[in-house]
Amino acid sequence: MWLLKLFTLKDLRYVLLIALLGFGAYLFHQNKLLKKENQRMVSNYQTALKLDSLKVALFKVNKEEEIKELLNQNKDLNSLVEKAEIKTKRIEALYYQQQMYVDSVTSKIDVSPIITSIRNNIPELTTWKDSTACLIVSGKLIYRNDSLNVTVDKREFNNETVLIKHKGRRKKVKWLFGLRLGGREIKFTPKASCGTSKVTIIEKE
């Protein structure tokens, strides 16, 4: 009671006002965090639904259990992480890239020099090579003892890929007639010299 005597009624009003403002700020901050968490969970859920059609899939996580769940949904990715021998609780970010390359270019290799050897039943060995922008395949054409064999002894695949994190277009503001005056979205764009690439990103907040 003696503490109350030190304050006038006016002082108590100020103290109460400050306390209310502080509590209001706390509630505002908690509501902001809850809204951000809900947006994160909704974004992850929508990404999971469209995973097969996305070139870049971004998952934001804040718990080890969430990382484990995402890894369990992708056996190939989980296998790679296990081979790296890194515990999931130590993972801060994970970038998983799948490259798809199909070569449908028709090419011809002249093997006419070996025809004479076949006709005369003479053993012959001829090397051959086929190459595209990113793939080189080479081997040998061998004729011996009335047998003709084609062997492949080298396959070399060289590709350059990049994943660009950049600012996208500004978000539309509905109440301003859909004008793009909102904040800019952060986007990821993958590019490769050959074929196409698909990237899954798991980032811990």
Foldseek 3Di string as FASTA:
>chain_A
DVVVVVDDPVRVVVVVVVVVVVVVVVVVVVVVVVVVVVVLVVLLVVLVVCVVVAQEGEHEAADLVVVVVVCVVPVVNVVVVVVVVDDSVPDAKDKDKDFDFDDPDDDDDDPVVCVVCLVVVHWDKDKDWDDDPFKIWIFIWTRHPNDTDTDTDDIGGDKDKDKDWDWAFAFFDVVVVRDRPHHTDIDIDMDMPGGGMGMYMYHYD
